[in-house]
């Protein structure tokens, strides 16, 4: 196991991640320029889009549309998980406070990338009963006419989110329980794995609508509770906040020593660890979130692009920052300790609010991990359905996912983290190969959206508006969200 871990970390990840941060930043800057910084200038519009409900007309009462908010919570369920607690602790331990700054940067820059990929997923979504499904595999096939690339991506995301990331969730829960209760036996770890697998089975066998119904209350509740406790820590240590911000900024550029490294070495550690954990957390450019974005019933593809950009900010600028502030304001020595788990965050919170903080983090980790399993599963399911409509194969896949959740509870932590980095990197490379050549389509959609807004309209898209774009299966004006355009055309 040690040899495999060394191979994955030193041979694959260290080389792959020498290149990926620069690709992500370059893509984010490119898309930010093409969209005139849509990720910043349209923040108010993001909040309006996320609360918009699907249109309803007489006779539509039985439709089970996925609202913009439900699609947001499915993606947030995947984003907001162990990476926000254990992952941030890992970044700070290895890269110092400066890693937090680069997590913020990848969120701000990556917001534009998330907008592009989610808008494209909405445009090239396909019908799935009363709802929709889609994602990178679909826009690679329909938009780029590159089924071979879609197949590679579909396999990569199925392995990454169906198997590796879900194993990581249960793994992190076991590590948190270890701190709360002492070193659990193999039997205790197995029991935790079985409980998580059983709870997950109750939801994922119910399909996307049951997943959406669970995540729409679980994600806001648990993230909200975590944020409130984080704010308490900030208030208690408010006089330390200026010094903390100074450490973050200075550390980002190598002016705070990290493990005896030089200025350049300290900068590189902060940069690399911030980028890795930032991507692992908010998934901007990775191609995972578009699978959730495609499920939403909205009147214009840009609306879901804006919603998922807001999801990047919610995940990294808010939830991840809370973890970082808890650690950096607590006074604990983040340069030592178990860097592969949430124990640093538990120790930090307990040092500020008392022993109950340790157990609180354990509870938060359990529910965030559980919701992440649900979100991760659906992102992978959409790609299983890309390959086949067989119910038997889908159910076999569900069983394998549950097995991975169980095995994650009793597996080696470092190897799971290393595999997560590897597969995330592979997905980024494949997805960027698609969204860069297709990005101009999302830019045109944004222009169409803004033109309608200037006329005082609630933007509605119809595929006839962009006849040069081929293979658009939906957006025909047949569903309530887009019927207004069809009726206007018929009346002329």
Protein backbone atom coordinates (compact mmCIF):
# COMPACT_ATOMS: atom_id res chain seq x y z
CA UNK A 1 0.00 0.00 0.00
CA UNK A 2 2.87 2.37 0.80
CA UNK A 3 4.46 1.80 -2.61
CA UNK A 4 1.15 2.54 -4.36
CA UNK A 5 0.68 5.68 -2.32
CA UNK A 6 4.18 6.88 -3.19
CA UNK A 7 3.63 6.18 -6.88
CA UNK A 8 0.31 8.08 -6.97
CA UNK A 9 1.66 11.02 -4.96
CA UNK A 10 5.21 11.43 -6.24
CA UNK A 11 5.04 10.18 -9.82
CA UNK A 12 1.53 11.20 -10.87
CA UNK A 13 0.22 13.99 -8.65
CA UNK A 14 3.42 15.99 -8.16
CA UNK A 15 3.89 16.21 -11.94
CA UNK A 16 0.23 16.65 -12.85
CA UNK A 17 -0.25 19.42 -10.31
CA UNK A 18 2.81 21.28 -11.52
CA UNK A 19 0.71 22.19 -14.57
CA UNK A 20 -2.95 22.19 -13.50
CA UNK A 21 -3.00 25.36 -11.35
CA UNK A 22 -1.71 27.39 -14.26
CA UNK A 23 -4.26 25.84 -16.63
CA UNK A 24 -7.10 26.64 -14.20
CA UNK A 25 -5.97 30.21 -13.64
CA UNK A 26 -5.43 30.78 -17.37
CA UNK A 27 -8.88 29.36 -18.20
CA UNK A 28 -10.53 31.44 -15.47
CA UNK A 29 -8.83 34.63 -16.64
CA UNK A 30 -9.76 33.89 -20.25
CA UNK A 31 -13.42 33.27 -19.44
CA UNK A 32 -13.49 36.23 -17.06
CA UNK A 33 -12.24 38.44 -19.89
CA UNK A 34 -14.67 37.04 -22.46
CA UNK A 35 -17.63 37.55 -20.11
CA UNK A 36 -16.45 40.93 -18.77
CA UNK A 37 -16.06 39.46 -15.26
CA UNK A 38 -19.52 37.94 -15.10
CA UNK A 39 -18.53 36.27 -11.82
CA UNK A 40 -18.24 39.67 -10.14
CA UNK A 41 -20.49 42.13 -11.93
CA UNK A 42 -23.57 39.87 -11.88
CA UNK A 43 -23.50 38.79 -8.23
CA UNK A 44 -26.90 40.46 -7.50
CA UNK A 45 -28.39 38.56 -10.43
CA UNK A 46 -27.07 35.30 -8.95
CA UNK A 47 -29.14 35.76 -5.80
CA UNK A 48 -32.25 36.48 -7.85
CA UNK A 49 -31.69 33.40 -10.01
CA UNK A 50 -31.17 30.97 -7.14
CA UNK A 51 -34.59 31.66 -5.57
CA UNK A 52 -36.54 31.54 -8.83
CA UNK A 53 -39.18 28.82 -8.91
CA UNK A 54 -40.06 26.79 -12.01
CA UNK A 55 -43.04 28.18 -13.92
CA UNK A 56 -46.35 26.44 -13.31
CA UNK A 57 -49.44 26.41 -15.48
CA UNK A 58 -52.80 24.68 -15.27
CA UNK A 59 -52.29 20.96 -15.66
CA UNK A 60 -48.65 21.09 -14.52
CA UNK A 61 -49.37 20.15 -10.91
CA UNK A 62 -47.92 16.65 -11.35
CA UNK A 63 -44.65 17.85 -12.87
CA UNK A 64 -41.64 17.25 -10.63
CA UNK A 65 -39.32 19.96 -11.88
CA UNK A 66 -35.95 20.51 -10.23
CA UNK A 67 -35.84 24.16 -9.23
CA UNK A 68 -32.75 26.35 -9.50
CA UNK A 69 -32.35 26.08 -5.72
CA UNK A 70 -32.64 22.29 -5.69
CA UNK A 71 -30.01 22.03 -8.43
CA UNK A 72 -27.87 24.39 -6.35
CA UNK A 73 -28.19 22.14 -3.28
CA UNK A 74 -27.35 18.99 -5.26
CA UNK A 75 -24.13 20.61 -6.43
CA UNK A 76 -23.54 22.12 -2.98
CA UNK A 77 -24.01 18.69 -1.42
CA UNK A 78 -21.05 17.51 -3.48
CA UNK A 79 -19.01 20.67 -2.90
CA UNK A 80 -19.69 21.27 0.79
CA UNK A 81 -18.27 18.21 2.50
CA UNK A 82 -15.11 16.92 4.09
CA UNK A 83 -12.96 19.16 1.88
CA UNK A 84 -14.38 22.17 3.71
CA UNK A 85 -13.21 20.85 7.08
CA UNK A 86 -10.45 18.27 6.65
CA UNK A 87 -9.27 19.61 3.30
CA UNK A 88 -8.78 23.17 4.52
CA UNK A 89 -6.93 21.89 7.58
CA UNK A 90 -4.67 19.90 5.28
CA UNK A 91 -3.99 22.94 3.09
CA UNK A 92 -3.05 25.12 6.08
CA UNK A 93 -0.86 22.43 7.63
CA UNK A 94 1.11 21.88 4.44
CA UNK A 95 1.01 25.36 2.94
CA UNK A 96 0.59 27.69 5.91
CA UNK A 97 -1.99 30.50 6.21
CA UNK A 98 -1.11 31.71 2.71
CA UNK A 99 -2.88 28.67 1.23
CA UNK A 100 -6.18 30.30 2.22
CA UNK A 101 -5.45 33.29 -0.03
CA UNK A 102 -4.92 31.06 -3.05
CA UNK A 103 -8.13 29.18 -2.25
CA UNK A 104 -9.91 32.55 -2.46
CA UNK A 105 -8.20 33.37 -5.74
CA UNK A 106 -9.13 30.06 -7.38
CA UNK A 107 -12.74 30.69 -6.29
CA UNK A 108 -12.85 34.21 -7.76
CA UNK A 109 -11.09 33.25 -10.96
CA UNK A 110 -12.82 29.90 -11.19
CA UNK A 111 -16.24 31.50 -10.85
CA UNK A 112 -16.08 32.45 -14.53
CA UNK A 113 -15.14 28.90 -15.49
CA UNK A 114 -18.02 27.51 -13.45
CA UNK A 115 -20.39 29.92 -15.20
CA UNK A 116 -19.27 28.72 -18.64
CA UNK A 117 -19.46 24.98 -17.93
CA UNK A 118 -22.83 25.16 -16.16
CA UNK A 119 -24.37 27.34 -18.89
CA UNK A 120 -23.19 24.89 -21.54
CA UNK A 121 -24.65 21.97 -19.55
CA UNK A 122 -28.03 23.74 -19.49
CA UNK A 123 -27.96 24.40 -23.23
CA UNK A 124 -27.16 20.81 -24.22
CA UNK A 125 -29.23 19.02 -21.58
CA UNK A 126 -31.59 16.21 -22.61
CA UNK A 127 -34.98 15.14 -21.33
CA UNK A 128 -35.25 12.59 -18.54
CA UNK A 129 -38.94 11.93 -17.95
CA UNK A 130 -40.46 15.16 -16.65
CA UNK A 131 -36.99 16.51 -15.89
CA UNK A 132 -33.58 16.82 -17.47
CA UNK A 133 -30.06 15.48 -17.25
CA UNK A 134 -26.80 16.57 -18.79
CA UNK A 135 -23.22 17.57 -18.10
CA UNK A 136 -19.83 17.56 -19.82
CA UNK A 137 -20.35 14.18 -21.50
CA UNK A 138 -23.45 15.63 -23.15
CA UNK A 139 -21.95 18.92 -24.33
CA UNK A 140 -18.84 17.08 -25.52
CA UNK A 141 -21.07 14.83 -27.65
CA UNK A 142 -23.74 17.29 -28.82
CA UNK A 143 -21.73 20.49 -28.85
CA UNK A 144 -18.20 19.40 -29.65
CA UNK A 145 -19.10 16.27 -31.62
CA UNK A 146 -16.42 14.39 -29.67
CA UNK A 147 -18.05 11.29 -28.26
CA UNK A 148 -14.64 9.73 -27.70
CA UNK A 149 -13.78 12.54 -25.29
CA UNK A 150 -17.17 12.21 -23.62
CA UNK A 151 -16.57 8.52 -23.01
CA UNK A 152 -13.21 9.20 -21.35
CA UNK A 153 -14.75 11.92 -19.19
CA UNK A 154 -17.76 9.77 -18.31
CA UNK A 155 -15.49 6.98 -17.08
CA UNK A 156 -13.30 9.43 -15.13
CA UNK A 157 -16.16 11.15 -13.31
CA UNK A 158 -17.88 7.85 -12.54
CA UNK A 159 -14.73 6.56 -10.86
CA UNK A 160 -13.94 9.88 -9.18
CA UNK A 161 -17.33 10.81 -7.74
CA UNK A 162 -18.99 7.43 -7.59
CA UNK A 163 -16.11 5.62 -5.96
CA UNK A 164 -13.05 7.65 -4.85
CA UNK A 165 -14.74 10.77 -3.44
CA UNK A 166 -17.44 8.77 -1.68
CA UNK A 167 -14.82 6.60 -0.03
CA UNK A 168 -13.13 9.81 1.08
CA UNK A 169 -16.31 11.06 2.76
CA UNK A 170 -16.74 8.03 5.03
CA UNK A 171 -13.00 7.97 5.63
CA UNK A 172 -13.07 11.52 6.98
CA UNK A 173 -16.03 10.74 9.25
CA UNK A 174 -14.10 7.87 10.83
CA UNK A 175 -11.13 10.17 11.42
CA UNK A 176 -13.36 12.73 13.12
CA UNK A 177 -14.94 10.04 15.31
CA UNK A 178 -11.43 8.88 16.25
CA UNK A 179 -10.71 12.28 17.78
CA UNK A 180 -14.04 12.40 19.59
CA UNK A 181 -14.03 8.91 21.06
CA UNK A 182 -10.49 7.61 20.83
CA UNK A 183 -9.10 5.13 18.34
CA UNK A 184 -12.04 3.02 17.15
CA UNK A 185 -11.67 -0.68 16.52
CA UNK A 186 -11.98 -2.15 13.06
CA UNK A 187 -15.46 -3.26 14.05
CA UNK A 188 -16.43 0.28 15.03
CA UNK A 189 -15.12 1.63 11.72
CA UNK A 190 -17.10 -1.02 9.89
CA UNK A 191 -20.25 -0.04 11.78
CA UNK A 192 -19.79 3.61 10.77
CA UNK A 193 -19.32 2.53 7.17
CA UNK A 194 -22.44 0.37 7.28
CA UNK A 195 -24.54 3.18 8.77
CA UNK A 196 -23.45 5.66 6.11
CA UNK A 197 -24.01 3.10 3.35
CA UNK A 198 -27.48 2.21 4.66
CA UNK A 199 -28.59 5.85 4.95
CA UNK A 200 -27.24 6.56 1.48
CA UNK A 201 -29.13 3.59 0.06
CA UNK A 202 -32.42 4.92 1.40
CA UNK A 203 -31.94 8.07 -0.68
CA UNK A 204 -30.06 7.17 -3.85
CA UNK A 205 -32.41 4.35 -4.80
CA UNK A 206 -35.15 6.98 -4.88
CA UNK A 207 -33.53 8.84 -7.78
CA UNK A 208 -32.68 12.49 -8.37
CA UNK A 209 -35.93 13.87 -6.94
CA UNK A 210 -35.38 12.19 -3.56
CA UNK A 211 -31.76 13.34 -3.56
CA UNK A 212 -32.88 16.92 -4.27
CA UNK A 213 -35.57 16.79 -1.57
CA UNK A 214 -33.04 15.66 1.04
CA UNK A 215 -30.18 17.98 0.08
CA UNK A 216 -32.39 21.09 -0.12
CA UNK A 217 -32.84 21.06 3.66
CA UNK A 218 -29.76 19.18 4.85
CA UNK A 219 -27.13 21.35 3.14
CA UNK A 220 -28.46 24.75 4.34
CA UNK A 221 -29.10 23.43 7.86
CA UNK A 222 -25.68 21.88 8.49
CA UNK A 223 -23.69 24.54 6.64
CA UNK A 224 -25.68 27.20 8.51
CA UNK A 225 -24.95 25.64 11.90
CA UNK A 226 -21.24 25.43 11.04
CA UNK A 227 -21.13 29.04 9.88
CA UNK A 228 -22.84 30.26 13.06
CA UNK A 229 -20.26 28.50 15.25
CA UNK A 230 -17.49 29.94 13.08
CA UNK A 231 -18.86 33.45 13.52
CA UNK A 232 -18.86 32.89 17.31
CA UNK A 233 -15.14 32.03 17.09
CA UNK A 234 -14.49 35.20 15.09
CA UNK A 235 -16.38 37.35 17.60
CA UNK A 236 -14.55 35.82 20.56
CA UNK A 237 -11.16 36.45 18.92
CA UNK A 238 -12.04 39.61 17.02
CA UNK A 239 -8.88 41.44 18.10
CA UNK A 240 -6.81 38.76 16.35
CA UNK A 241 -8.56 39.16 12.98
CA UNK A 242 -6.22 41.87 11.56
CA UNK A 243 -3.16 39.79 12.41
CA UNK A 244 -4.75 36.72 10.84
CA UNK A 245 -5.47 38.59 7.59
CA UNK A 246 -1.90 39.84 7.59
CA UNK A 247 -0.58 36.29 8.02
CA UNK A 248 -2.77 35.04 5.16
CA UNK A 249 -1.60 37.72 2.74
CA UNK A 250 2.06 37.58 3.77
CA UNK A 251 2.05 33.79 3.71
CA UNK A 252 0.53 33.75 0.22
CA UNK A 253 3.69 35.37 -1.16
CA UNK A 254 6.19 33.44 0.93
CA UNK A 255 6.87 36.04 3.61
CA UNK A 256 5.84 33.73 6.45
CA UNK A 257 8.11 30.68 6.95
CA UNK A 258 6.60 27.26 6.28
CA UNK A 259 8.52 24.21 7.53
CA UNK A 260 11.84 26.04 7.15
CA UNK A 261 11.27 26.72 3.44
CA UNK A 262 12.77 29.66 1.57
CA UNK A 263 10.60 32.57 0.43
CA UNK A 264 10.11 30.89 -2.95
CA UNK A 265 9.51 27.52 -1.30
CA UNK A 266 6.96 28.99 1.13
CA UNK A 267 5.16 30.70 -1.75
CA UNK A 268 5.06 27.50 -3.77
CA UNK A 269 3.72 25.44 -0.86
CA UNK A 270 0.98 28.00 -0.20
CA UNK A 271 0.12 28.29 -3.89
CA UNK A 272 0.02 24.57 -4.66
CA UNK A 273 -1.88 23.50 -1.56
CA UNK A 274 -4.35 26.35 -1.83
CA UNK A 275 -5.03 25.51 -5.47
CA UNK A 276 -5.39 21.77 -4.87
CA UNK A 277 -7.72 22.06 -1.93
CA UNK A 278 -9.60 24.95 -3.51
CA UNK A 279 -10.36 22.89 -6.60
CA UNK A 280 -11.21 19.82 -4.53
CA UNK A 281 -13.67 21.97 -2.58
CA UNK A 282 -15.42 24.17 -5.17
CA UNK A 283 -14.83 21.92 -8.24
CA UNK A 284 -14.75 24.91 -10.64
CA UNK A 285 -13.58 23.70 -14.04
CA UNK A 286 -13.59 20.07 -12.97
CA UNK A 287 -16.75 19.24 -14.91
CA UNK A 288 -18.67 17.80 -11.98
CA UNK A 289 -21.09 20.61 -11.12
CA UNK A 290 -22.54 20.87 -14.68
CA UNK A 291 -24.17 17.48 -14.13
CA UNK A 292 -26.27 19.03 -11.36
CA UNK A 293 -26.74 22.32 -13.23
CA UNK A 294 -28.36 20.48 -16.15
CA UNK A 295 -31.18 19.14 -13.96
CA UNK A 296 -32.73 22.55 -13.28
CA UNK A 297 -35.85 23.78 -15.01
CA UNK A 298 -35.12 27.44 -15.79
CA UNK A 299 -36.16 29.85 -18.53
CA UNK A 300 -32.63 30.61 -19.74
CA UNK A 301 -29.35 28.62 -19.57
CA UNK A 302 -27.50 31.62 -18.15
CA UNK A 303 -29.62 31.54 -15.00
CA UNK A 304 -28.16 28.22 -13.91
CA UNK A 305 -24.68 29.39 -14.89
CA UNK A 306 -25.10 32.27 -12.46
CA UNK A 307 -26.50 30.01 -9.75
CA UNK A 308 -23.55 27.65 -9.93
CA UNK A 309 -21.09 30.56 -9.83
CA UNK A 310 -22.74 31.55 -6.57
CA UNK A 311 -22.17 27.97 -5.43
CA UNK A 312 -18.41 28.44 -5.84
CA UNK A 313 -18.53 31.47 -3.56
CA UNK A 314 -20.77 29.77 -1.01
CA UNK A 315 -18.41 26.82 -0.81
CA UNK A 316 -14.98 28.47 -0.79
CA UNK A 317 -15.37 32.11 0.20
CA UNK A 318 -17.83 31.28 2.97
CA UNK A 319 -17.66 27.71 4.30
CA UNK A 320 -13.95 27.07 3.65
CA UNK A 321 -13.07 30.48 5.06
CA UNK A 322 -14.95 29.65 8.27
CA UNK A 323 -12.78 26.56 8.75
CA UNK A 324 -9.62 28.57 8.07
CA UNK A 325 -10.64 31.28 10.55
CA UNK A 326 -11.43 28.70 13.25
CA UNK A 327 -7.94 27.20 12.86
CA UNK A 328 -5.97 30.44 12.52
CA UNK A 329 -7.74 32.27 15.35
CA UNK A 330 -7.52 29.39 17.81
CA UNK A 331 -3.80 29.59 18.47
CA UNK A 332 -3.23 25.87 17.86
CA UNK A 333 0.01 24.82 16.20
CA UNK A 334 -1.14 24.06 12.66
CA UNK A 335 2.38 23.08 11.58
CA UNK A 336 2.23 19.81 13.50
CA UNK A 337 -0.32 17.11 14.13
CA UNK A 338 -2.36 14.77 11.98
CA UNK A 339 -2.57 16.63 8.69
CA UNK A 340 -4.65 13.96 7.00
CA UNK A 341 -7.88 14.43 8.95
CA UNK A 342 -10.21 16.94 10.52
CA UNK A 343 -8.46 16.62 13.88
CA UNK A 344 -6.80 20.03 13.51
CA UNK A 345 -10.17 21.72 13.06
CA UNK A 346 -11.60 19.80 16.01
CA UNK A 347 -8.68 20.77 18.23
CA UNK A 348 -8.90 24.39 17.13
CA UNK A 349 -12.62 24.74 17.83
CA UNK A 350 -12.33 22.95 21.18
CA UNK A 351 -9.57 25.34 22.27
CA UNK A 352 -11.95 28.28 21.76
CA UNK A 353 -15.40 27.04 22.81
CA UNK A 354 -14.58 24.03 24.96
CA UNK A 355 -14.65 20.26 24.61
CA UNK A 356 -18.06 20.18 22.95
CA UNK A 357 -16.46 21.76 19.89
CA UNK A 358 -14.68 18.47 19.13
CA UNK A 359 -17.94 16.55 19.05
CA UNK A 360 -19.72 19.31 17.15
CA UNK A 361 -17.21 19.00 14.30
CA UNK A 362 -17.76 15.24 14.29
CA UNK A 363 -21.52 15.70 13.89
CA UNK A 364 -21.02 18.32 11.18
CA UNK A 365 -18.57 16.05 9.37
CA UNK A 366 -21.05 13.17 9.43
CA UNK A 367 -23.91 15.12 7.90
CA UNK A 368 -21.75 17.00 5.41
CA UNK A 369 -20.15 13.73 4.35
CA UNK A 370 -23.54 12.07 4.03
CA UNK A 371 -24.90 14.88 1.88
CA UNK A 372 -21.72 14.77 -0.21
CA UNK A 373 -22.22 11.06 -0.88
CA UNK A 374 -25.68 11.90 -2.24
CA UNK A 375 -24.40 14.76 -4.38
CA UNK A 376 -21.37 12.80 -5.61
CA UNK A 377 -23.55 9.85 -6.47
CA UNK A 378 -25.87 11.89 -8.66
CA UNK A 379 -23.00 13.52 -10.54
CA UNK A 380 -21.76 10.05 -11.39
CA UNK A 381 -25.27 8.68 -12.11
CA UNK A 382 -25.84 11.25 -14.86
CA UNK A 383 -22.84 9.78 -16.66
CA UNK A 384 -23.94 6.18 -16.16
CA UNK A 385 -27.19 7.23 -17.86
CA UNK A 386 -25.14 8.75 -20.67
CA UNK A 387 -23.77 5.29 -21.41
CA UNK A 388 -26.91 3.25 -20.87
CA UNK A 389 -30.54 3.46 -19.82
CA UNK A 390 -30.45 -0.02 -18.26
CA UNK A 391 -32.04 -0.08 -14.80
CA UNK A 392 -30.01 -3.20 -13.96
CA UNK A 393 -26.69 -1.51 -14.65
CA UNK A 394 -27.78 1.58 -12.73
CA UNK A 395 -28.69 -0.53 -9.71
CA UNK A 396 -25.40 -2.43 -9.91
CA UNK A 397 -23.62 0.93 -9.97
CA UNK A 398 -25.58 2.02 -6.89
CA UNK A 399 -24.49 -1.10 -5.02
CA UNK A 400 -20.83 -0.53 -5.94
CA UNK A 401 -21.09 3.07 -4.70
CA UNK A 402 -22.41 1.82 -1.36
CA UNK A 403 -19.57 -0.71 -1.15
CA UNK A 404 -17.06 2.13 -1.70
CA UNK A 405 -18.69 4.16 1.08
CA UNK A 406 -18.22 1.19 3.39
CA UNK A 407 -14.65 0.47 2.29
CA UNK A 408 -13.70 4.13 2.71
CA UNK A 409 -14.39 3.86 6.42
CA UNK A 410 -11.68 1.21 6.85
CA UNK A 411 -9.14 2.37 4.23
CA UNK A 412 -5.82 4.24 4.33
CA UNK A 413 -6.38 8.01 4.53
CA UNK A 414 -3.32 9.25 2.58
CA UNK A 415 -4.00 6.95 -0.38
CA UNK A 416 -7.63 8.08 -0.65
CA UNK A 417 -6.60 11.77 -0.64
CA UNK A 418 -3.91 11.05 -3.26
CA UNK A 419 -6.36 9.26 -5.56
CA UNK A 420 -8.81 12.15 -5.16
CA UNK A 421 -6.14 14.59 -6.39
CA UNK A 422 -5.26 12.32 -9.33
CA UNK A 423 -8.77 11.87 -10.67
CA UNK A 424 -9.69 15.52 -10.07
CA UNK A 425 -6.73 16.51 -12.19
CA UNK A 426 -7.69 14.13 -15.00
CA UNK A 427 -11.23 15.53 -15.07
CA UNK A 428 -9.96 19.11 -15.22
CA UNK A 429 -7.78 18.41 -18.25
CA UNK A 430 -10.59 16.66 -20.16
CA UNK A 431 -13.22 19.27 -19.27
CA UNK A 432 -11.01 22.21 -20.27
CA UNK A 433 -10.49 20.53 -23.65
CA UNK A 434 -14.24 20.92 -24.17
CA UNK A 435 -15.25 24.20 -22.58
CA UNK A 436 -12.46 26.30 -24.11
CA UNK A 437 -13.58 25.67 -27.73
CA UNK A 438 -17.26 25.83 -26.70
CA UNK A 439 -16.91 28.89 -24.48
CA UNK A 440 -17.97 31.31 -27.22
CA UNK A 441 -21.46 29.71 -27.18
CA UNK A 442 -21.88 30.53 -23.47
CA UNK A 443 -20.69 34.08 -24.17
CA UNK A 444 -23.40 34.44 -26.85
CA UNK A 445 -25.99 33.13 -24.41
CA UNK A 446 -24.86 35.71 -21.85
CA UNK A 447 -25.19 38.46 -24.46
CA UNK A 448 -28.72 37.24 -25.30
CA UNK A 449 -29.61 37.21 -21.60
CA UNK A 450 -28.32 40.75 -21.02
CA UNK A 451 -30.12 42.09 -24.09
CA UNK A 452 -33.43 40.80 -22.75
CA UNK A 453 -32.70 42.22 -19.30
CA UNK A 454 -32.05 45.66 -20.81
CA UNK A 455 -35.51 45.53 -22.40
CA UNK A 456 -37.02 44.88 -18.97
CA UNK A 457 -37.83 41.23 -19.71
CA UNK A 458 -37.43 38.09 -17.66
CA UNK A 459 -35.01 36.33 -20.04
CA UNK A 460 -36.36 33.31 -21.91
CA UNK A 461 -34.31 31.24 -24.33
CA UNK A 462 -35.46 29.32 -27.39
CA UNK A 463 -33.13 27.37 -29.65
CA UNK A 464 -34.37 29.42 -32.62
CA UNK A 465 -32.54 32.41 -31.11
CA UNK A 466 -29.23 30.74 -31.96
CA UNK A 467 -29.92 28.61 -35.05
CA UNK A 468 -26.19 28.26 -35.73
CA UNK A 469 -25.82 26.11 -32.59
CA UNK A 470 -26.62 22.51 -33.48
CA UNK A 471 -27.92 19.48 -31.59
CA UNK A 472 -29.86 21.45 -28.97
CA UNK A 473 -32.36 18.83 -27.84
CA UNK A 474 -34.41 20.99 -25.47
CA UNK A 475 -35.32 24.70 -25.41
CA UNK A 476 -38.20 24.18 -27.85
CA UNK A 477 -40.75 26.19 -25.86
CA UNK A 478 -42.63 23.07 -24.80
CA UNK A 479 -42.13 23.37 -21.05
CA UNK A 480 -43.73 26.06 -18.84
CA UNK A 481 -40.43 27.83 -18.17
CA UNK A 482 -39.89 28.66 -21.85
CA UNK A 483 -43.44 28.59 -23.24
CA UNK A 484 -43.72 32.38 -23.16
CA UNK A 485 -41.35 32.67 -26.13
CA UNK A 486 -43.23 30.11 -28.22
CA UNK A 487 -46.56 31.80 -27.53
CA UNK A 488 -45.11 35.18 -28.51
CA UNK A 489 -43.82 33.76 -31.81
CA UNK A 490 -47.14 32.03 -32.56
CA UNK A 491 -49.05 35.27 -32.05
CA UNK A 492 -46.98 37.15 -34.65
